[in-house]
């Protein structure tokens, strides 16, 4: 089914992305990222120069100013994932969908001036640090504290499962600045790599996204100057997180739809090329029926996701709608890719094939950004509260 969400500007930008991928995403590069457990900085800088990242940075700070037109970020996700570079898509997403928006929407003028121009170019990479060893879905249960000190805060604690945690230069860190667990007991601080007492810790060896780093962070008496308090106001951290979570969850839904589409495209190509029992695999009725189901599922995925993108662009995407998108798309993604692996036979289990990497990468989509169980709770609580 042809999608109607894009205009000529988006398609022209798609050509830019494709050209970038031809030049910078090769089998050798993917293997290099997987072996290193991270995307190299040169690739991120090249993406900045090409305008592939920095899309959500306002033009006045050197970016493309497309934070309120998520279609451009969707084009990036589609093409990067189609190129079999899920880890690169993840690295781009952390920068443009998680780190940058906190500064754009909530940062002080000084914070924007200091960081956004270099984030637009890829010179500075950002990350978001919320999850802790003992607090994942229950964010109010975090233990990382930021105690007031002369001219700033002293931070102690630890974070885990932090995407881009080994390579980022700055971190938007969710900390406890007050007593109890009321929303106003939490704040967001900007911590800089290299601050005394800030240890990146080890990279975590994951099931998927082998080429995108995930790390533990630890903070031991880290002094953070007052000017690094996001928005310049204490006690707003919980509200600030809630403001950006719909975008984060939409971005996961977009990645899920893009991965499902790519998986189906790879599977159609494979079953047309592969022969068994004297005929192409796609000529078996069972295969054709399965593929008919797959392409229909992808059509429905995009229809739903495209509507959510439109709502976001109009400033109308609610927390509940974003939660629906996140849990529904990621579960359909898992089903689609599982079938695609099956249709590849033994080769679907071989990491040299993009379908195997996509299958492993997809599993975390149902976990991060809020587990799908939490997403269902958000949706059902909103329904139960209606009169």
Protein backbone atom coordinates (compact mmCIF):
# COMPACT_ATOMS: atom_id res chain seq x y z
CA UNK A 1 0.00 0.00 0.00
CA UNK A 2 1.42 3.36 -1.01
CA UNK A 3 1.91 5.78 1.86
CA UNK A 4 0.77 9.39 1.53
CA UNK A 5 2.67 10.92 4.44
CA UNK A 6 5.69 12.22 2.52
CA UNK A 7 6.13 15.17 0.15
CA UNK A 8 8.88 16.05 -2.33
CA UNK A 9 11.16 17.44 0.37
CA UNK A 10 11.09 14.16 2.29
CA UNK A 11 11.80 12.11 -0.82
CA UNK A 12 14.68 14.41 -1.78
CA UNK A 13 16.07 13.93 1.72
CA UNK A 14 15.68 10.16 1.30
CA UNK A 15 18.08 10.37 -1.64
CA UNK A 16 20.60 12.16 0.59
CA UNK A 17 20.30 9.40 3.20
CA UNK A 18 20.70 6.66 0.59
CA UNK A 19 23.81 8.31 -0.79
CA UNK A 20 25.29 8.57 2.70
CA UNK A 21 24.58 4.89 3.36
CA UNK A 22 26.18 3.80 0.08
CA UNK A 23 29.34 5.57 1.12
CA UNK A 24 29.55 4.82 4.83
CA UNK A 25 27.64 1.58 5.51
CA UNK A 26 29.44 -1.49 4.21
CA UNK A 27 29.73 -5.06 5.43
CA UNK A 28 33.21 -4.18 6.66
CA UNK A 29 31.83 -1.21 8.63
CA UNK A 30 29.06 -3.28 10.22
CA UNK A 31 31.60 -5.89 11.28
CA UNK A 32 33.84 -3.15 12.68
CA UNK A 33 30.97 -1.71 14.75
CA UNK A 34 29.99 -5.14 16.03
CA UNK A 35 33.57 -5.98 17.00
CA UNK A 36 34.11 -2.64 18.75
CA UNK A 37 30.66 -2.61 20.32
CA UNK A 38 30.09 0.94 19.13
CA UNK A 39 29.68 3.15 16.07
CA UNK A 40 32.91 5.03 15.35
CA UNK A 41 32.98 8.80 15.82
CA UNK A 42 34.07 9.43 12.23
CA UNK A 43 30.79 7.97 10.97
CA UNK A 44 28.81 10.14 13.37
CA UNK A 45 30.75 13.22 12.24
CA UNK A 46 30.12 12.31 8.61
CA UNK A 47 26.42 11.96 9.39
CA UNK A 48 26.47 15.41 10.95
CA UNK A 49 28.19 16.87 7.90
CA UNK A 50 25.61 15.24 5.61
CA UNK A 51 22.72 16.50 7.72
CA UNK A 52 21.61 12.99 8.68
CA UNK A 53 21.86 13.77 12.41
CA UNK A 54 21.13 17.13 13.93
CA UNK A 55 17.70 17.02 12.31
CA UNK A 56 15.99 17.94 15.57
CA UNK A 57 18.40 20.79 16.40
CA UNK A 58 16.89 24.23 15.57
CA UNK A 59 18.33 26.04 12.56
CA UNK A 60 19.62 28.88 14.75
CA UNK A 61 21.98 26.35 16.35
CA UNK A 62 23.14 24.80 13.09
CA UNK A 63 20.62 21.97 12.77
CA UNK A 64 17.82 21.25 10.33
CA UNK A 65 15.06 22.44 12.67
CA UNK A 66 12.87 19.40 12.06
CA UNK A 67 11.91 18.49 15.63
CA UNK A 68 8.25 19.16 14.81
CA UNK A 69 8.33 17.25 11.51
CA UNK A 70 9.17 13.71 12.52
CA UNK A 71 8.81 12.50 8.94
CA UNK A 72 12.46 13.36 8.27
CA UNK A 73 13.62 11.21 11.19
CA UNK A 74 11.31 8.46 9.92
CA UNK A 75 13.03 8.54 6.53
CA UNK A 76 16.38 8.08 8.29
CA UNK A 77 15.09 5.12 10.28
CA UNK A 78 13.57 3.45 7.21
CA UNK A 79 16.68 3.71 5.08
CA UNK A 80 19.30 2.97 7.73
CA UNK A 81 17.43 -0.12 8.92
CA UNK A 82 16.80 -1.21 5.32
CA UNK A 83 20.58 -1.04 4.85
CA UNK A 84 20.96 -3.60 7.64
CA UNK A 85 22.48 -1.06 10.02
CA UNK A 86 20.21 -1.25 13.05
CA UNK A 87 23.03 -0.27 15.39
CA UNK A 88 23.64 2.93 13.44
CA UNK A 89 19.92 3.70 13.52
CA UNK A 90 20.05 3.25 17.29
CA UNK A 91 22.99 5.63 17.66
CA UNK A 92 21.25 8.25 15.53
CA UNK A 93 18.04 7.86 17.53
CA UNK A 94 19.70 8.39 20.91
CA UNK A 95 21.17 11.65 19.64
CA UNK A 96 18.16 13.13 17.85
CA UNK A 97 15.17 11.63 19.69
CA UNK A 98 16.41 11.42 23.28
CA UNK A 99 19.30 13.77 24.00
CA UNK A 100 18.66 16.78 21.77
CA UNK A 101 14.94 17.29 22.59
CA UNK A 102 15.62 17.77 26.30
CA UNK A 103 17.91 20.68 25.51
CA UNK A 104 15.68 22.12 22.78
CA UNK A 105 12.47 22.05 24.82
CA UNK A 106 13.76 22.39 28.37
CA UNK A 107 17.31 23.69 28.29
CA UNK A 108 18.31 27.19 29.31
CA UNK A 109 19.54 29.59 26.64
CA UNK A 110 23.10 29.07 27.87
CA UNK A 111 22.75 25.27 27.70
CA UNK A 112 21.41 25.47 24.16
CA UNK A 113 24.17 27.81 23.03
CA UNK A 114 26.87 25.64 24.57
CA UNK A 115 25.80 22.22 23.34
CA UNK A 116 23.35 22.24 20.44
CA UNK A 117 25.68 23.54 17.69
CA UNK A 118 28.16 20.74 18.39
CA UNK A 119 25.39 18.15 18.73
CA UNK A 120 24.18 19.12 15.27
CA UNK A 121 27.56 18.23 13.78
CA UNK A 122 28.14 15.03 15.74
CA UNK A 123 31.10 16.58 17.53
CA UNK A 124 29.21 16.15 20.82
CA UNK A 125 27.08 13.05 21.38
CA UNK A 126 24.41 12.88 24.04
CA UNK A 127 22.56 10.20 25.97
CA UNK A 128 19.77 9.84 28.51
CA UNK A 129 20.44 8.11 31.85
CA UNK A 130 17.35 7.04 33.79
CA UNK A 131 17.49 3.31 34.54
CA UNK A 132 19.31 2.01 37.62
CA UNK A 133 20.23 -1.49 38.80
CA UNK A 134 17.24 -1.42 41.17
CA UNK A 135 14.89 0.90 39.29
CA UNK A 136 13.73 0.36 35.72
CA UNK A 137 10.03 0.82 35.14
CA UNK A 138 9.65 2.33 38.63
CA UNK A 139 11.51 5.58 38.05
CA UNK A 140 10.48 7.02 41.40
CA UNK A 141 12.54 4.26 43.00
CA UNK A 142 15.89 5.63 41.81
CA UNK A 143 18.72 5.98 44.33
CA UNK A 144 21.04 8.38 42.49
CA UNK A 145 21.15 11.59 44.52
CA UNK A 146 22.24 15.14 43.80
CA UNK A 147 22.94 17.02 47.02
CA UNK A 148 23.15 20.80 47.01
CA UNK A 149 26.68 22.16 47.32
CA UNK A 150 28.28 25.55 46.92
CA UNK A 151 27.74 26.47 43.25
CA UNK A 152 26.11 23.21 42.23
CA UNK A 153 25.39 19.61 43.19
CA UNK A 154 27.31 16.53 44.30
CA UNK A 155 26.02 13.42 42.55
CA UNK A 156 26.33 9.85 43.85
CA UNK A 157 24.79 6.70 42.43
CA UNK A 158 24.74 4.44 39.39
CA UNK A 159 22.86 3.93 36.15
CA UNK A 160 22.66 0.88 33.91
CA UNK A 161 21.49 -0.14 30.42
CA UNK A 162 22.43 3.32 29.12
CA UNK A 163 22.37 3.41 25.31
CA UNK A 164 25.41 5.27 23.93
CA UNK A 165 26.71 5.13 27.49
CA UNK A 166 30.30 4.45 26.46
CA UNK A 167 30.54 6.97 23.62
CA UNK A 168 28.40 9.94 24.68
CA UNK A 169 30.01 13.18 25.77
CA UNK A 170 27.07 14.55 27.76
CA UNK A 171 24.31 12.80 29.69
CA UNK A 172 20.87 13.98 30.72
CA UNK A 173 20.75 12.25 34.12
CA UNK A 174 17.62 11.69 36.21
CA UNK A 175 18.53 12.34 39.86
CA UNK A 176 16.88 12.72 43.23
CA UNK A 177 17.21 16.26 44.61
CA UNK A 178 14.49 16.08 47.28
CA UNK A 179 13.02 13.78 49.90
CA UNK A 180 10.39 11.11 49.28
CA UNK A 181 9.15 10.12 45.85
CA UNK A 182 6.84 12.96 44.91
CA UNK A 183 7.33 14.27 41.34
CA UNK A 184 9.02 17.42 42.65
CA UNK A 185 11.74 15.35 44.37
CA UNK A 186 13.50 14.73 41.05
CA UNK A 187 15.57 16.82 38.65
CA UNK A 188 17.54 16.45 35.43
CA UNK A 189 21.23 17.30 35.46
CA UNK A 190 23.61 17.48 32.52
CA UNK A 191 26.74 15.46 33.36
CA UNK A 192 29.81 15.74 31.17
CA UNK A 193 32.15 12.90 30.36
CA UNK A 194 35.44 13.51 32.14
CA UNK A 195 33.97 15.05 35.28
CA UNK A 196 35.90 13.84 38.32
CA UNK A 197 34.21 10.80 39.85
CA UNK A 198 32.17 9.99 36.71
CA UNK A 199 33.01 6.49 35.48
CA UNK A 200 31.51 5.11 32.28
CA UNK A 201 31.92 1.55 33.54
CA UNK A 202 31.89 -1.45 31.26
CA UNK A 203 30.08 -1.97 27.98
CA UNK A 204 27.32 -4.53 28.34
CA UNK A 205 27.31 -7.55 26.00
CA UNK A 206 23.80 -7.61 24.58
CA UNK A 207 21.65 -10.05 22.65
CA UNK A 208 21.23 -7.55 19.82
CA UNK A 209 22.40 -4.13 18.65
CA UNK A 210 25.97 -5.40 18.90
CA UNK A 211 27.36 -2.33 17.18
CA UNK A 212 25.65 0.21 19.43
CA UNK A 213 27.17 0.61 22.88
CA UNK A 214 25.21 0.17 26.09
CA UNK A 215 27.02 0.79 29.36
CA UNK A 216 26.87 1.14 33.11
CA UNK A 217 27.59 4.54 34.66
CA UNK A 218 28.73 5.30 38.18
CA UNK A 219 28.95 8.61 40.02
CA UNK A 220 31.15 9.10 43.08
CA UNK A 221 31.02 12.61 44.53
CA UNK A 222 30.69 14.12 41.05
CA UNK A 223 30.47 17.90 41.28
CA UNK A 224 28.01 19.31 38.74
CA UNK A 225 27.78 23.10 38.40
CA UNK A 226 24.42 24.80 38.85
CA UNK A 227 24.34 25.85 35.22
CA UNK A 228 24.01 22.16 34.28
CA UNK A 229 20.57 21.88 35.89
CA UNK A 230 18.26 21.28 32.90
CA UNK A 231 15.94 24.25 32.57
CA UNK A 232 17.59 25.96 35.53
CA UNK A 233 14.83 24.85 37.89
CA UNK A 234 15.06 22.12 40.52
CA UNK A 235 12.26 19.60 41.05
CA UNK A 236 11.05 19.51 37.44
CA UNK A 237 12.82 16.32 36.36
CA UNK A 238 9.86 13.98 36.48
CA UNK A 239 7.66 16.36 34.50
CA UNK A 240 10.46 16.94 31.99
CA UNK A 241 10.83 13.19 31.42
CA UNK A 242 7.09 12.80 30.89
CA UNK A 243 7.16 15.57 28.28
CA UNK A 244 9.59 13.71 26.01
CA UNK A 245 8.47 10.11 26.56
CA UNK A 246 5.79 10.23 23.82
CA UNK A 247 8.49 11.09 21.26
CA UNK A 248 10.76 8.33 22.56
CA UNK A 249 7.96 5.79 22.27
CA UNK A 250 6.94 7.01 18.84
CA UNK A 251 10.56 6.64 17.72
CA UNK A 252 10.53 3.00 18.86
CA UNK A 253 7.30 2.41 16.95
CA UNK A 254 8.83 3.91 13.82
CA UNK A 255 11.92 1.71 14.19
CA UNK A 256 9.69 -1.34 14.67
CA UNK A 257 7.70 -0.63 11.51
CA UNK A 258 10.89 0.05 9.55
CA UNK A 259 12.47 -3.21 10.73
CA UNK A 260 9.34 -5.19 9.88
CA UNK A 261 9.26 -3.66 6.41
CA UNK A 262 12.95 -4.33 5.81
CA UNK A 263 12.57 -7.91 7.02
CA UNK A 264 9.72 -8.56 4.62
CA UNK A 265 11.65 -7.03 1.71
CA UNK A 266 14.69 -9.21 2.46
CA UNK A 267 12.46 -12.27 2.77
CA UNK A 268 10.68 -11.69 -0.54
CA UNK A 269 14.05 -11.29 -2.28
CA UNK A 270 15.42 -14.43 -0.60
CA UNK A 271 12.41 -16.63 -1.39
CA UNK A 272 12.49 -15.51 -5.02
CA UNK A 273 16.15 -16.46 -5.30
CA UNK A 274 16.25 -19.64 -3.20
CA UNK A 275 15.16 -22.93 -4.79
CA UNK A 276 13.93 -26.13 -3.15
CA UNK A 277 12.39 -29.27 -4.65
CA UNK A 278 12.89 -27.89 -8.15
CA UNK A 279 11.15 -24.54 -7.69
CA UNK A 280 11.58 -21.18 -6.04
CA UNK A 281 10.63 -21.08 -2.37
CA UNK A 282 8.17 -18.28 -3.12
CA UNK A 283 6.31 -20.57 -5.53
CA UNK A 284 5.12 -22.78 -2.67
CA UNK A 285 1.60 -21.84 -1.64
CA UNK A 286 2.54 -21.86 2.03
CA UNK A 287 5.25 -19.27 1.37
CA UNK A 288 2.98 -17.05 -0.71
CA UNK A 289 0.25 -17.11 1.93
CA UNK A 290 2.76 -16.25 4.66
CA UNK A 291 4.15 -13.36 2.62
CA UNK A 292 0.64 -12.09 1.92
CA UNK A 293 0.09 -11.91 5.67
CA UNK A 294 3.44 -10.21 6.20
CA UNK A 295 2.98 -7.44 3.64
CA UNK A 296 -0.53 -6.75 4.93
CA UNK A 297 0.75 -6.48 8.49
CA UNK A 298 3.42 -4.01 7.37
CA UNK A 299 0.80 -1.93 5.54
CA UNK A 300 -1.30 -1.73 8.70
CA UNK A 301 1.77 -0.95 10.81
CA UNK A 302 2.64 2.04 8.65
CA UNK A 303 -0.94 3.28 8.50
CA UNK A 304 -1.02 3.33 12.30
CA UNK A 305 2.47 4.76 12.73
CA UNK A 306 1.92 7.43 10.08
CA UNK A 307 -1.18 8.60 11.90
CA UNK A 308 0.82 8.82 15.13
CA UNK A 309 3.53 10.81 13.34
CA UNK A 310 0.88 13.24 12.12
CA UNK A 311 -0.48 13.62 15.65
CA UNK A 312 3.03 14.28 16.95
CA UNK A 313 3.71 16.88 14.27
CA UNK A 314 0.46 18.61 15.26
CA UNK A 315 1.38 18.53 18.95
CA UNK A 316 -1.47 16.12 19.67
CA UNK A 317 0.28 12.81 20.47
CA UNK A 318 -0.76 11.94 24.02
CA UNK A 319 1.08 9.67 26.43
CA UNK A 320 -1.67 7.07 26.02
CA UNK A 321 -1.56 7.11 22.23
CA UNK A 322 2.24 6.88 22.24
CA UNK A 323 2.02 3.91 24.62
CA UNK A 324 -0.41 2.15 22.26
CA UNK A 325 1.90 2.72 19.33
CA UNK A 326 4.90 1.42 21.26
CA UNK A 327 3.44 -1.87 22.47
CA UNK A 328 1.40 -2.72 19.39
CA UNK A 329 4.04 -2.02 16.76
CA UNK A 330 6.85 -3.78 18.60
CA UNK A 331 4.79 -6.92 19.09
CA UNK A 332 3.80 -7.01 15.42
CA UNK A 333 7.46 -6.44 14.55
CA UNK A 334 8.44 -9.49 16.59
CA UNK A 335 5.82 -11.66 14.87
CA UNK A 336 6.79 -10.46 11.40
CA UNK A 337 10.52 -10.97 11.88
CA UNK A 338 10.01 -14.41 13.43
CA UNK A 339 8.14 -15.51 10.31
CA UNK A 340 10.82 -13.95 8.11
CA UNK A 341 13.53 -15.92 9.89
CA UNK A 342 11.51 -19.11 9.39
CA UNK A 343 11.14 -18.45 5.67
CA UNK A 344 14.92 -18.05 5.40
CA UNK A 345 15.37 -21.55 6.82
CA UNK A 346 18.81 -22.22 8.28
CA UNK A 347 20.23 -19.06 6.77
CA UNK A 348 17.86 -17.01 8.90
CA UNK A 349 19.89 -18.16 11.90
CA UNK A 350 23.21 -17.01 10.43
CA UNK A 351 24.45 -13.60 11.54
CA UNK A 352 25.81 -12.78 8.08
CA UNK A 353 22.20 -12.39 6.98
CA UNK A 354 20.52 -9.10 7.95
CA UNK A 355 17.33 -10.87 9.00
CA UNK A 356 19.18 -12.59 11.86
CA UNK A 357 20.56 -9.29 13.17
CA UNK A 358 17.19 -7.57 12.81
CA UNK A 359 15.47 -10.39 14.70
CA UNK A 360 17.86 -10.04 17.63
CA UNK A 361 17.78 -6.24 17.57
CA UNK A 362 13.98 -6.20 17.66
CA UNK A 363 13.63 -7.99 20.98
CA UNK A 364 14.65 -4.99 23.07
CA UNK A 365 11.95 -2.82 21.48
CA UNK A 366 9.45 -4.50 23.80
CA UNK A 367 11.61 -3.65 26.83
CA UNK A 368 13.24 -0.23 26.60
CA UNK A 369 11.38 3.05 26.49
CA UNK A 370 9.04 1.48 29.05
CA UNK A 371 8.18 -2.22 28.94
CA UNK A 372 5.12 -3.23 26.97
CA UNK A 373 3.46 -4.24 30.22
CA UNK A 374 3.89 -0.67 31.48
CA UNK A 375 2.51 0.62 28.15
CA UNK A 376 -0.64 -1.46 28.63
CA UNK A 377 -0.93 -0.15 32.17
CA UNK A 378 -0.76 3.46 30.94
CA UNK A 379 -3.49 2.82 28.37
CA UNK A 380 -5.76 0.83 30.68
CA UNK A 381 -5.46 3.27 33.59
CA UNK A 382 -6.53 6.09 31.32
CA UNK A 383 -9.54 4.08 30.16
CA UNK A 384 -10.47 3.01 33.70
CA UNK A 385 -10.30 6.62 34.88
CA UNK A 386 -12.86 7.82 32.36
CA UNK A 387 -16.43 8.43 33.49
